[in-house]
Amino acid sequence: MITRVIVTKEAYKDLRLVPFFIVDKFDTWIQSVHEIGIVEVRKIPGYHDEPLLGKRKGFRSIRLSRSYRAIYKTSDEFVELIVVCEVNKHVY
C-alpha cells in the first residue's frame, strides 16, 4: 500500500511556532510513515499514537513531546492518505 502524508496549511503555521526539536521529531515521524507504514509506526511506543474521542472522533494523535501533539486523520483507500491537520501544545 502506498502511504502519503499531507500537512495542511494550518499545521505548517503551527510548526513555525514550536521549538526546533518538535519539528525534527515530526519530520522523523513522517519519514518513518513513508518507510515502514503507519500501522508499524503506531506500534512505536515513543509516539503514544492513540485515537481521539468526543468531537475529534475519527482523528488520532501522536506525542511529539510531553507537551506537543500532532493531530491527524487517515483514509482506508488503495492509497493510504494521512492528513496532519494540527500541531499544538497539549493542555493538561
Foldseek 3Di string as FASTA:
>chain_A
DAEDEAEDPAAVVQVVPDDPLLVVLVVVLRVCCRVPNPVVSCPPVQFVWDADDDPRGQWIWTDSDPFKIWIWHWDDDPYIYIYTYHIDGDDD
